[in-house]
PDB file of N, CA and C in Angstrom:
ATOM      1  N   MET A   1      -0.545  23.524  -9.358  1.00  0.00           N
ATOM      2  CA  MET A   1       0.061  22.467  -9.416  1.00  0.00           C
ATOM      3  C   MET A   1      -0.367  21.370 -10.103  1.00  0.00           C
ATOM      4  N   ARG A   2       0.183  20.427 -10.952  1.00  0.00           N
ATOM      5  CA  ARG A   2      -0.518  19.296 -11.867  1.00  0.00           C
ATOM      6  C   ARG A   2      -0.214  17.989 -10.873  1.00  0.00           C
ATOM      7  N   LEU A   3      -1.610  17.606 -10.478  1.00  0.00           N
ATOM      8  CA  LEU A   3      -1.628  16.078 -10.092  1.00  0.00           C
ATOM      9  C   LEU A   3      -1.489  15.157 -11.320  1.00  0.00           C
ATOM     10  N   PRO A   4      -0.589  14.086 -11.079  1.00  0.00           N
ATOM     11  CA  PRO A   4      -0.531  12.594 -11.691  1.00  0.00           C
ATOM     12  C   PRO A   4      -1.817  12.558 -11.849  1.00  0.00           C
ATOM     13  N   LYS A   5      -2.160  11.699 -13.218  1.00  0.00           N
ATOM     14  CA  LYS A   5      -3.217  10.964 -13.643  1.00  0.00           C
ATOM     15  C   LYS A   5      -3.756  10.046 -12.437  1.00  0.00           C
ATOM     16  N   PHE A   6      -5.137   9.975 -12.363  1.00  0.00           N
ATOM     17  CA  PHE A   6      -5.745   8.859 -11.550  1.00  0.00           C
ATOM     18  C   PHE A   6      -5.008   7.504 -12.046  1.00  0.00           C
ATOM     19  N   ARG A   7      -5.283   7.062 -12.639  1.00  0.00           N
ATOM     20  CA  ARG A   7      -4.632   5.883 -13.368  1.00  0.00           C
ATOM     21  C   ARG A   7      -3.415   5.413 -13.117  1.00  0.00           C
ATOM     22  N   TYR A   8      -2.581   6.690 -13.244  1.00  0.00           N
ATOM     23  CA  TYR A   8      -1.511   6.024 -12.934  1.00  0.00           C
ATOM     24  C   TYR A   8      -1.181   6.162 -11.451  1.00  0.00           C
ATOM     25  N   VAL A   9      -1.429   6.901 -10.699  1.00  0.00           N
ATOM     26  CA  VAL A   9      -1.636   6.750  -9.160  1.00  0.00           C
ATOM     27  C   VAL A   9      -1.630   5.396  -8.773  1.00  0.00           C
ATOM     28  N   VAL A  10      -3.340   5.027  -9.451  1.00  0.00           N
ATOM     29  CA  VAL A  10      -3.777   3.470  -8.704  1.00  0.00           C
ATOM     30  C   VAL A  10      -2.552   2.370  -9.364  1.00  0.00           C
ATOM     31  N   ALA A  11      -2.217   2.509 -10.578  1.00  0.00           N
ATOM     32  CA  ALA A  11      -1.121   1.594 -11.176  1.00  0.00           C
ATOM     33  C   ALA A  11      -0.058   1.700 -10.095  1.00  0.00           C
ATOM     34  N   ALA A  12       0.733   2.769 -10.096  1.00  0.00           N
ATOM     35  CA  ALA A  12       1.995   2.459  -9.240  1.00  0.00           C
ATOM     36  C   ALA A  12       1.531   2.396  -8.268  1.00  0.00           C
ATOM     37  N   ARG A  13       0.727   2.762  -7.064  1.00  0.00           N
ATOM     38  CA  ARG A  13       0.563   2.419  -5.578  1.00  0.00           C
ATOM     39  C   ARG A  13       0.405   1.139  -5.546  1.00  0.00           C
ATOM     40  N   ALA A  14      -0.229   0.304  -6.592  1.00  0.00           N
ATOM     41  CA  ALA A  14      -0.802  -1.343  -6.725  1.00  0.00           C
ATOM     42  C   ALA A  14       0.392  -2.003  -6.769  1.00  0.00           C
ATOM     43  N   MET A  15       1.660  -1.623  -7.685  1.00  0.00           N
ATOM     44  CA  MET A  15       2.817  -1.958  -7.950  1.00  0.00           C
ATOM     45  C   MET A  15       3.320  -1.843  -6.657  1.00  0.00           C
ATOM     46  N   LEU A  16       3.636  -0.932  -5.922  1.00  0.00           N
ATOM     47  CA  LEU A  16       4.145  -0.541  -4.725  1.00  0.00           C
ATOM     48  C   LEU A  16       3.832  -1.632  -3.267  1.00  0.00           C
ATOM     49  N   GLY A  17       2.438  -2.031  -3.269  1.00  0.00           N
ATOM     50  CA  GLY A  17       1.723  -2.621  -2.711  1.00  0.00           C
ATOM     51  C   GLY A  17       2.042  -4.066  -2.816  1.00  0.00           C
ATOM     52  N   PHE A  18       2.275  -4.121  -3.889  1.00  0.00           N
ATOM     53  CA  PHE A  18       2.844  -5.745  -4.207  1.00  0.00           C
ATOM     54  C   PHE A  18       4.287  -5.816  -4.103  1.00  0.00           C
ATOM     55  N   VAL A  19       4.963  -4.862  -4.350  1.00  0.00           N
ATOM     56  CA  VAL A  19       6.529  -5.019  -4.329  1.00  0.00           C
ATOM     57  C   VAL A  19       7.345  -5.064  -2.541  1.00  0.00           C
ATOM     58  N   ILE A  20       6.857  -4.304  -2.491  1.00  0.00           N
ATOM     59  CA  ILE A  20       7.090  -4.092  -0.770  1.00  0.00           C
ATOM     60  C   ILE A  20       7.100  -5.337   0.194  1.00  0.00           C
ATOM     61  N   PRO A  21       5.710  -5.809   0.481  1.00  0.00           N
ATOM     62  CA  PRO A  21       5.833  -7.342   0.860  1.00  0.00           C
ATOM     63  C   PRO A  21       6.736  -8.279   0.491  1.00  0.00           C
ATOM     64  N   LEU A  22       6.859  -8.197  -0.908  1.00  0.00           N
ATOM     65  CA  LEU A  22       7.693  -9.562  -1.567  1.00  0.00           C
ATOM     66  C   LEU A  22       9.109  -9.257  -1.114  1.00  0.00           C
ATOM     67  N   LEU A  23       9.622  -7.762  -1.246  1.00  0.00           N
ATOM     68  CA  LEU A  23      10.825  -7.492  -1.109  1.00  0.00           C
ATOM     69  C   LEU A  23      11.180  -7.963   0.757  1.00  0.00           C
ATOM     70  N   LEU A  24      10.292  -7.376   1.499  1.00  0.00           N
ATOM     71  CA  LEU A  24      10.593  -7.447   2.925  1.00  0.00           C
ATOM     72  C   LEU A  24      10.606  -9.221   3.361  1.00  0.00           C
ATOM     73  N   THR A  25       9.681  -9.882   2.519  1.00  0.00           N
ATOM     74  CA  THR A  25       9.584 -11.601   3.008  1.00  0.00           C
ATOM     75  C   THR A  25      10.582 -12.084   2.386  1.00  0.00           C
ATOM     76  N   ALA A  26      11.282 -11.409   1.126  1.00  0.00           N
ATOM     77  CA  ALA A  26      12.400 -11.958   0.950  1.00  0.00           C
ATOM     78  C   ALA A  26      13.742 -11.770   1.585  1.00  0.00           C
ATOM     79  N   LEU A  27      13.993 -10.443   2.045  1.00  0.00           N
ATOM     80  CA  LEU A  27      15.054  -9.990   2.766  1.00  0.00           C
ATOM     81  C   LEU A  27      14.709 -10.691   4.240  1.00  0.00           C
ATOM     82  N   SER A  28      13.881 -10.765   4.889  1.00  0.00           N
ATOM     83  CA  SER A  28      13.794 -11.643   6.029  1.00  0.00           C
ATOM     84  C   SER A  28      13.903 -13.098   5.778  1.00  0.00           C
ATOM     85  N   GLN A  29      13.504 -13.412   5.018  1.00  0.00           N
ATOM     86  CA  GLN A  29      13.989 -15.319   4.803  1.00  0.00           C
ATOM     87  C   GLN A  29      15.608 -15.358   4.510  1.00  0.00           C
ATOM     88  N   LEU A  30      16.063 -14.235   3.890  1.00  0.00           N
ATOM     89  CA  LEU A  30      17.459 -14.475   3.427  1.00  0.00           C
ATOM     90  C   LEU A  30      18.342 -14.059   4.941  1.00  0.00           C
ATOM     91  N   HIS A  31      17.747 -13.357   5.627  1.00  0.00           N
ATOM     92  CA  HIS A  31      18.326 -12.725   6.856  1.00  0.00           C
ATOM     93  C   HIS A  31      19.233 -11.709   6.708  1.00  0.00           C
ATOM     94  N   ILE A  32      18.939 -11.023   5.489  1.00  0.00           N
ATOM     95  CA  ILE A  32      19.789  -9.866   5.231  1.00  0.00           C
ATOM     96  C   ILE A  32      19.180  -8.533   6.261  1.00  0.00           C
ATOM     97  N   PHE A  33      17.848  -8.392   6.142  1.00  0.00           N
ATOM     98  CA  PHE A  33      17.500  -7.338   6.649  1.00  0.00           C
ATOM     99  C   PHE A  33      15.945  -7.832   7.338  1.00  0.00           C
ATOM    100  N   GLY A  34      16.351  -7.407   8.777  1.00  0.00           N
ATOM    101  CA  GLY A  34      14.809  -7.465   9.558  1.00  0.00           C
ATOM    102  C   GLY A  34      14.202  -6.052   9.773  1.00  0.00           C
ATOM    103  N   VAL A  35      12.853  -6.334   9.959  1.00  0.00           N
ATOM    104  CA  VAL A  35      12.543  -5.026  10.136  1.00  0.00           C
ATOM    105  C   VAL A  35      11.498  -5.451  11.408  1.00  0.00           C
ATOM    106  N   PRO A  36      11.570  -4.251  12.349  1.00  0.00           N
ATOM    107  CA  PRO A  36      10.969  -4.168  14.064  1.00  0.00           C
ATOM    108  C   PRO A  36       9.268  -4.331  13.299  1.00  0.00           C
ATOM    109  N   GLU A  37       8.339  -5.217  14.218  1.00  0.00           N
ATOM    110  CA  GLU A  37       7.062  -5.271  14.234  1.00  0.00           C
ATOM    111  C   GLU A  37       6.526  -4.154  13.832  1.00  0.00           C
ATOM    112  N   ARG A  38       6.902  -2.972  14.769  1.00  0.00           N
ATOM    113  CA  ARG A  38       5.676  -1.682  14.558  1.00  0.00           C
ATOM    114  C   ARG A  38       6.415  -1.070  13.185  1.00  0.00           C
ATOM    115  N   VAL A  39       7.526  -1.063  12.546  1.00  0.00           N
ATOM    116  CA  VAL A  39       7.583  -0.393  11.160  1.00  0.00           C
ATOM    117  C   VAL A  39       6.864  -1.168  10.360  1.00  0.00           C
ATOM    118  N   LEU A  40       6.817  -2.480  10.528  1.00  0.00           N
ATOM    119  CA  LEU A  40       6.185  -3.306   9.518  1.00  0.00           C
ATOM    120  C   LEU A  40       5.115  -3.280   9.332  1.00  0.00           C
ATOM    121  N   LEU A  41       4.188  -2.952  10.531  1.00  0.00           N
ATOM    122  CA  LEU A  41       2.551  -2.771  10.417  1.00  0.00           C
ATOM    123  C   LEU A  41       2.251  -1.186   9.595  1.00  0.00           C
ATOM    124  N   PHE A  42       3.272  -0.667   9.466  1.00  0.00           N
ATOM    125  CA  PHE A  42       3.243   0.726   9.042  1.00  0.00           C
ATOM    126  C   PHE A  42       3.436   0.466   7.495  1.00  0.00           C
ATOM    127  N   ILE A  43       4.250  -0.370   7.056  1.00  0.00           N
ATOM    128  CA  ILE A  43       4.408   0.085   5.436  1.00  0.00           C
ATOM    129  C   ILE A  43       3.979  -1.442   5.102  1.00  0.00           C
ATOM    130  N   TRP A  44       3.681  -2.369   6.122  1.00  0.00           N
ATOM    131  CA  TRP A  44       2.788  -3.454   5.323  1.00  0.00           C
ATOM    132  C   TRP A  44       1.376  -3.822   6.548  1.00  0.00           C
ATOM    133  N   PRO A  45       0.562  -2.745   5.923  1.00  0.00           N
ATOM    134  CA  PRO A  45      -0.578  -3.356   7.099  1.00  0.00           C
ATOM    135  C   PRO A  45      -1.223  -4.698   7.603  1.00  0.00           C
ATOM    136  N   SER A  46      -1.562  -5.046   6.008  1.00  0.00           N
ATOM    137  CA  SER A  46      -1.854  -6.533   6.377  1.00  0.00           C
ATOM    138  C   SER A  46      -1.023  -7.732   6.542  1.00  0.00           C
ATOM    139  N   SER A  47       0.211  -7.153   7.269  1.00  0.00           N
ATOM    140  CA  SER A  47       1.272  -8.519   7.489  1.00  0.00           C
ATOM    141  C   SER A  47       0.912  -9.198   8.843  1.00  0.00           C
ATOM    142  N   ILE A  48      -0.303  -8.814   9.565  1.00  0.00           N
ATOM    143  CA  ILE A  48      -0.783  -9.135  10.684  1.00  0.00           C
ATOM    144  C   ILE A  48      -1.223 -10.578  10.478  1.00  0.00           C
ATOM    145  N   MET A  49      -1.959 -10.869   9.214  1.00  0.00           N
ATOM    146  CA  MET A  49      -2.611 -12.195   8.939  1.00  0.00           C
ATOM    147  C   MET A  49      -1.185 -12.719   8.846  1.00  0.00           C
ATOM    148  N   LEU A  50      -0.451 -12.792   8.990  1.00  0.00           N
ATOM    149  CA  LEU A  50       0.765 -13.740   8.636  1.00  0.00           C
ATOM    150  C   LEU A  50       1.222 -14.358   9.904  1.00  0.00           C
ATOM    151  N   MET A  51       0.253 -14.023  11.100  1.00  0.00           N
ATOM    152  CA  MET A  51       0.431 -14.814  12.290  1.00  0.00           C
ATOM    153  C   MET A  51      -0.045 -16.263  12.208  1.00  0.00           C
ATOM    154  N   ALA A  52      -1.245 -16.386  11.453  1.00  0.00           N
ATOM    155  CA  ALA A  52      -1.821 -17.748  10.936  1.00  0.00           C
ATOM    156  C   ALA A  52      -0.565 -18.491  10.266  1.00  0.00           C
ATOM    157  N   THR A  53       0.336 -18.052   9.807  1.00  0.00           N
ATOM    158  CA  THR A  53       1.509 -19.332   9.232  1.00  0.00           C
ATOM    159  C   THR A  53       2.425 -19.478  10.220  1.00  0.00           C
ATOM    160  N   GLU A  54       2.448 -19.149  11.420  1.00  0.00           N
ATOM    161  CA  GLU A  54       3.532 -19.809  12.162  1.00  0.00           C
ATOM    162  C   GLU A  54       3.653 -21.154  12.383  1.00  0.00           C
ATOM    163  N   THR A  55       2.569 -21.776  12.500  1.00  0.00           N
ATOM    164  CA  THR A  55       2.883 -23.181  12.404  1.00  0.00           C
ATOM    165  C   THR A  55       2.420 -23.861  11.049  1.00  0.00           C
ATOM    166  N   LEU A  56       2.408 -23.304  10.260  1.00  0.00           N
ATOM    167  CA  LEU A  56       2.328 -24.094   9.107  1.00  0.00           C
ATOM    168  C   LEU A  56       3.534 -24.394   7.886  1.00  0.00           C
ATOM    169  N   GLY A  57       4.488 -23.924   8.275  1.00  0.00           N
ATOM    170  CA  GLY A  57       6.128 -24.252   7.801  1.00  0.00           C
ATOM    171  C   GLY A  57       5.729 -23.401   6.274  1.00  0.00           C
ATOM    172  N   HIS A  58       5.990 -24.286   5.494  1.00  0.00           N
ATOM    173  CA  HIS A  58       6.223 -23.877   3.790  1.00  0.00           C
ATOM    174  C   HIS A  58       4.669 -24.816   3.147  1.00  0.00           C
ATOM    175  N   SER A  59       3.901 -25.054   3.848  1.00  0.00           N
ATOM    176  CA  SER A  59       2.480 -25.768   3.173  1.00  0.00           C
ATOM    177  C   SER A  59       1.799 -24.802   2.107  1.00  0.00           C
ATOM    178  N   PRO A  60       1.213 -25.105   1.286  1.00  0.00           N
ATOM    179  CA  PRO A  60       0.516 -24.711   0.727  1.00  0.00           C
ATOM    180  C   PRO A  60      -0.682 -23.166   1.229  1.00  0.00           C
ATOM    181  N   GLN A  61      -1.053 -23.700   2.491  1.00  0.00           N
ATOM    182  CA  GLN A  61      -2.140 -23.162   3.258  1.00  0.00           C
ATOM    183  C   GLN A  61      -1.246 -21.402   3.264  1.00  0.00           C
ATOM    184  N   ALA A  62      -0.012 -21.776   3.942  1.00  0.00           N
ATOM    185  CA  ALA A  62       0.706 -20.621   4.292  1.00  0.00           C
ATOM    186  C   ALA A  62       1.226 -19.453   2.748  1.00  0.00           C
ATOM    187  N   PHE A  63       1.376 -20.398   1.988  1.00  0.00           N
ATOM    188  CA  PHE A  63       1.626 -19.456   0.779  1.00  0.00           C
ATOM    189  C   PHE A  63       0.041 -18.747   0.458  1.00  0.00           C
ATOM    190  N   ALA A  64      -0.906 -19.392   0.627  1.00  0.00           N
ATOM    191  CA  ALA A  64      -2.190 -18.836   0.250  1.00  0.00           C
ATOM    192  C   ALA A  64      -2.390 -17.772   1.318  1.00  0.00           C
ATOM    193  N   ILE A  65      -2.362 -17.904   2.556  1.00  0.00           N
ATOM    194  CA  ILE A  65      -2.282 -16.679   3.567  1.00  0.00           C
ATOM    195  C   ILE A  65      -1.470 -15.500   3.194  1.00  0.00           C
ATOM    196  N   LEU A  66      -0.252 -15.819   2.625  1.00  0.00           N
ATOM    197  CA  LEU A  66       0.754 -14.648   2.163  1.00  0.00           C
ATOM    198  C   LEU A  66       0.616 -14.045   1.261  1.00  0.00           C
ATOM    199  N   ALA A  67      -0.665 -14.585   0.018  1.00  0.00           N
ATOM    200  CA  ALA A  67      -1.001 -14.138  -1.161  1.00  0.00           C
ATOM    201  C   ALA A  67      -2.075 -13.780  -0.620  1.00  0.00           C
ATOM    202  N   TRP A  68      -3.099 -13.718   0.291  1.00  0.00           N
ATOM    203  CA  TRP A  68      -3.797 -13.124   0.542  1.00  0.00           C
ATOM    204  C   TRP A  68      -3.548 -11.630   1.410  1.00  0.00           C
ATOM    205  N   SER A  69      -2.474 -11.719   1.889  1.00  0.00           N
ATOM    206  CA  SER A  69      -2.303 -10.830   2.673  1.00  0.00           C
ATOM    207  C   SER A  69      -1.420  -9.428   2.063  1.00  0.00           C
ATOM    208  N   ILE A  70      -0.829 -10.055   0.722  1.00  0.00           N
ATOM    209  CA  ILE A  70      -0.043  -9.209  -0.256  1.00  0.00           C
ATOM    210  C   ILE A  70      -1.516  -8.533  -1.075  1.00  0.00           C
ATOM    211  N   ALA A  71      -2.333  -9.310  -1.543  1.00  0.00           N
ATOM    212  CA  ALA A  71      -3.351  -8.934  -2.061  1.00  0.00           C
ATOM    213  C   ALA A  71      -3.800  -7.812  -1.245  1.00  0.00           C
ATOM    214  N   TRP A  72      -4.413  -8.271   0.030  1.00  0.00           N
ATOM    215  CA  TRP A  72      -5.212  -7.110   1.195  1.00  0.00           C
ATOM    216  C   TRP A  72      -4.163  -5.738   1.301  1.00  0.00           C
ATOM    217  N   ASN A  73      -2.939  -5.873   1.168  1.00  0.00           N
ATOM    218  CA  ASN A  73      -2.211  -4.573   1.113  1.00  0.00           C
ATOM    219  C   ASN A  73      -2.466  -3.820  -0.197  1.00  0.00           C
ATOM    220  N   VAL A  74      -2.307  -4.794  -1.263  1.00  0.00           N
ATOM    221  CA  VAL A  74      -2.373  -3.893  -2.641  1.00  0.00           C
ATOM    222  C   VAL A  74      -3.749  -3.136  -2.478  1.00  0.00           C
ATOM    223  N   PHE A  75      -4.985  -3.662  -1.776  1.00  0.00           N
ATOM    224  CA  PHE A  75      -6.125  -2.708  -1.581  1.00  0.00           C
ATOM    225  C   PHE A  75      -6.147  -1.553  -1.011  1.00  0.00           C
ATOM    226  N   LEU A  76      -5.241  -2.165   0.121  1.00  0.00           N
ATOM    227  CA  LEU A  76      -5.222  -0.889   1.392  1.00  0.00           C
ATOM    228  C   LEU A  76      -4.250   0.348   0.972  1.00  0.00           C
ATOM    229  N   TYR A  77      -3.111  -0.107  -0.044  1.00  0.00           N
ATOM    230  CA  TYR A  77      -2.404   1.093  -0.926  1.00  0.00           C
ATOM    231  C   TYR A  77      -3.078   1.684  -1.798  1.00  0.00           C
ATOM    232  N   VAL A  78      -3.938   1.187  -2.475  1.00  0.00           N
ATOM    233  CA  VAL A  78      -4.460   1.821  -3.585  1.00  0.00           C
ATOM    234  C   VAL A  78      -5.659   2.732  -2.988  1.00  0.00           C
ATOM    235  N   LEU A  79      -6.344   2.400  -2.053  1.00  0.00           N
ATOM    236  CA  LEU A  79      -7.586   2.836  -0.990  1.00  0.00           C
ATOM    237  C   LEU A  79      -7.151   3.892  -0.598  1.00  0.00           C
ATOM    238  N   PHE A  80      -5.756   4.268   0.303  1.00  0.00           N
ATOM    239  CA  PHE A  80      -5.092   5.050   0.945  1.00  0.00           C
ATOM    240  C   PHE A  80      -4.948   5.974  -0.125  1.00  0.00           C
ATOM    241  N   PHE A  81      -3.939   5.584  -0.990  1.00  0.00           N
ATOM    242  CA  PHE A  81      -3.327   6.934  -2.045  1.00  0.00           C
ATOM    243  C   PHE A  81      -4.444   7.479  -2.815  1.00  0.00           C
ATOM    244  N   THR A  82      -5.694   6.554  -3.302  1.00  0.00           N
ATOM    245  CA  THR A  82      -6.480   7.325  -3.632  1.00  0.00           C
ATOM    246  C   THR A  82      -7.370   8.463  -3.143  1.00  0.00           C
ATOM    247  N   PHE A  83      -7.240   8.194  -1.789  1.00  0.00           N
ATOM    248  CA  PHE A  83      -8.163   9.432  -0.856  1.00  0.00           C
ATOM    249  C   PHE A  83      -6.779  10.250  -0.972  1.00  0.00           C
ATOM    250  N   ILE A  84      -5.736  10.329  -1.034  1.00  0.00           N
ATOM    251  CA  ILE A  84      -4.692  11.337  -0.763  1.00  0.00           C
ATOM    252  C   ILE A  84      -4.950  11.987  -2.123  1.00  0.00           C
ATOM    253  N   TRP A  85      -5.253  11.373  -3.239  1.00  0.00           N
ATOM    254  CA  TRP A  85      -5.149  12.001  -4.680  1.00  0.00           C
ATOM    255  C   TRP A  85      -6.331  12.780  -4.872  1.00  0.00           C
ATOM    256  N   CYS A  86      -7.644  12.332  -3.982  1.00  0.00           N
ATOM    257  CA  CYS A  86      -8.751  12.934  -4.184  1.00  0.00           C
ATOM    258  C   CYS A  86      -8.755  14.028  -3.327  1.00  0.00           C
ATOM    259  N   VAL A  87      -8.127  14.281  -2.001  1.00  0.00           N
ATOM    260  CA  VAL A  87      -7.798  15.528  -1.290  1.00  0.00           C
ATOM    261  C   VAL A  87      -7.306  16.231  -2.165  1.00  0.00           C
ATOM    262  N   GLY A  88      -6.053  16.148  -2.474  1.00  0.00           N
ATOM    263  CA  GLY A  88      -5.216  16.681  -3.688  1.00  0.00           C
ATOM    264  C   GLY A  88      -5.849  17.588  -4.612  1.00  0.00           C
ATOM    265  N   TRP A  89      -6.777  16.795  -5.147  1.00  0.00           N
ATOM    266  CA  TRP A  89      -7.711  17.251  -6.282  1.00  0.00           C
ATOM    267  C   TRP A  89      -8.367  18.159  -5.791  1.00  0.00           C
ATOM    268  N   VAL A  90      -9.355  18.203  -4.370  1.00  0.00           N
ATOM    269  CA  VAL A  90      -9.922  18.802  -3.917  1.00  0.00           C
ATOM    270  C   VAL A  90      -9.330  20.333  -3.633  1.00  0.00           C
ATOM    271  N   LEU A  91      -8.344  20.204  -3.140  1.00  0.00           N
ATOM    272  CA  LEU A  91      -7.566  21.330  -2.801  1.00  0.00           C
ATOM    273  C   LEU A  91      -7.293  22.032  -3.642  1.00  0.00           C
ATOM    274  N   ARG A  92      -6.801  21.574  -4.762  1.00  0.00           N
ATOM    275  CA  ARG A  92      -6.336  22.083  -6.133  1.00  0.00           C
ATOM    276  C   ARG A  92      -7.461  22.951  -6.744  1.00  0.00           C
ATOM    277  N   ALA A  93      -8.746  22.368  -6.834  1.00  0.00           N
ATOM    278  CA  ALA A  93      -9.867  23.248  -7.227  1.00  0.00           C
ATOM    279  C   ALA A  93      -9.985  24.530  -6.510  1.00  0.00           C
ATOM    280  N   TRP A  94     -10.286  23.814  -5.127  1.00  0.00           N
ATOM    281  CA  TRP A  94     -10.497  25.195  -4.017  1.00  0.00           C
ATOM    282  C   TRP A  94      -9.575  26.362  -4.474  1.00  0.00           C
ATOM    283  N   ARG A  95      -8.178  26.055  -4.711  1.00  0.00           N
ATOM    284  CA  ARG A  95      -7.076  27.292  -4.784  1.00  0.00           C
ATOM    285  C   ARG A  95      -7.632  27.862  -6.007  1.00  0.00           C
ATOM    286  N   ALA A  96      -7.957  27.123  -7.195  1.00  0.00           N
ATOM    287  CA  ALA A  96      -8.296  27.699  -8.463  1.00  0.00           C
ATOM    288  C   ALA A  96      -9.568  28.470  -8.409  1.00  0.00           C
ATOM    289  N   SER A  97     -10.662  27.885  -7.389  1.00  0.00           N
ATOM    290  CA  SER A  97     -11.422  28.867  -7.537  1.00  0.00           C
ATOM    291  C   SER A  97     -11.388  30.125  -6.741  1.00  0.00           C
ATOM    292  N   LEU A  98     -10.497  30.069  -5.599  1.00  0.00           N
ATOM    293  CA  LEU A  98     -10.118  31.278  -5.205  1.00  0.00           C
ATOM    294  C   LEU A  98      -9.244  32.532  -5.931  1.00  0.00           C
ATOM    295  N   ARG A  99      -8.505  31.897  -7.087  1.00  0.00           N
ATOM    296  CA  ARG A  99      -7.772  32.940  -7.890  1.00  0.00           C
ATOM    297  C   ARG A  99      -8.857  33.149  -9.025  1.00  0.00           C
ATOM    298  N   ASP A 100      -9.730  32.400  -9.721  1.00  0.00           N
ATOM    299  CA  ASP A 100     -10.715  32.972 -10.512  1.00  0.00           C
ATOM    300  C   ASP A 100     -11.882  33.619  -9.844  1.00  0.00           C
ATOM    301  N   GLY A 101     -12.080  33.618  -8.560  1.00  0.00           N
ATOM    302  CA  GLY A 101     -13.066  34.435  -7.725  1.00  0.00           C
ATOM    303  C   GLY A 101     -14.364  33.732  -8.190  1.00  0.00           C
ATOM    304  N   THR A 102     -14.468  32.241  -8.589  1.00  0.00           N
ATOM    305  CA  THR A 102     -15.762  31.579  -8.347  1.00  0.00           C
ATOM    306  C   THR A 102     -15.885  31.114  -7.320  1.00  0.00           C
ATOM    307  N   THR A 103     -16.528  30.113  -6.985  1.00  0.00           N
ATOM    308  CA  THR A 103     -16.787  28.746  -6.016  1.00  0.00           C
ATOM    309  C   THR A 103     -17.180  27.739  -6.483  1.00  0.00           C
ATOM    310  N   ILE A 104     -16.404  26.682  -5.813  1.00  0.00           N
ATOM    311  CA  ILE A 104     -16.532  25.132  -6.259  1.00  0.00           C
ATOM    312  C   ILE A 104     -17.895  24.655  -6.236  1.00  0.00           C
TER     313      ILE A 104
END
């Protein structure tokens, strides 16, 4: 099985980590779609930082906290999926060594 190139994995997950919070924020502000907090923490782990914006309204500090939360989410997505990609690479190399009769 071929794995996608590492740079494509990182770029795609960084975009995903950026788009998901923006989409969830837009949908919740428009009252179209509400996400329960338990689900939100799984798909946007750094959303816990948004508790700091409860009393700030639409001030620049609130937007700075939102931007910081999205940046952390991008970092966490890239870190998690890089780990998953590395595990896949090791398993692929291990299976290839079993077929060839060599060791890693």
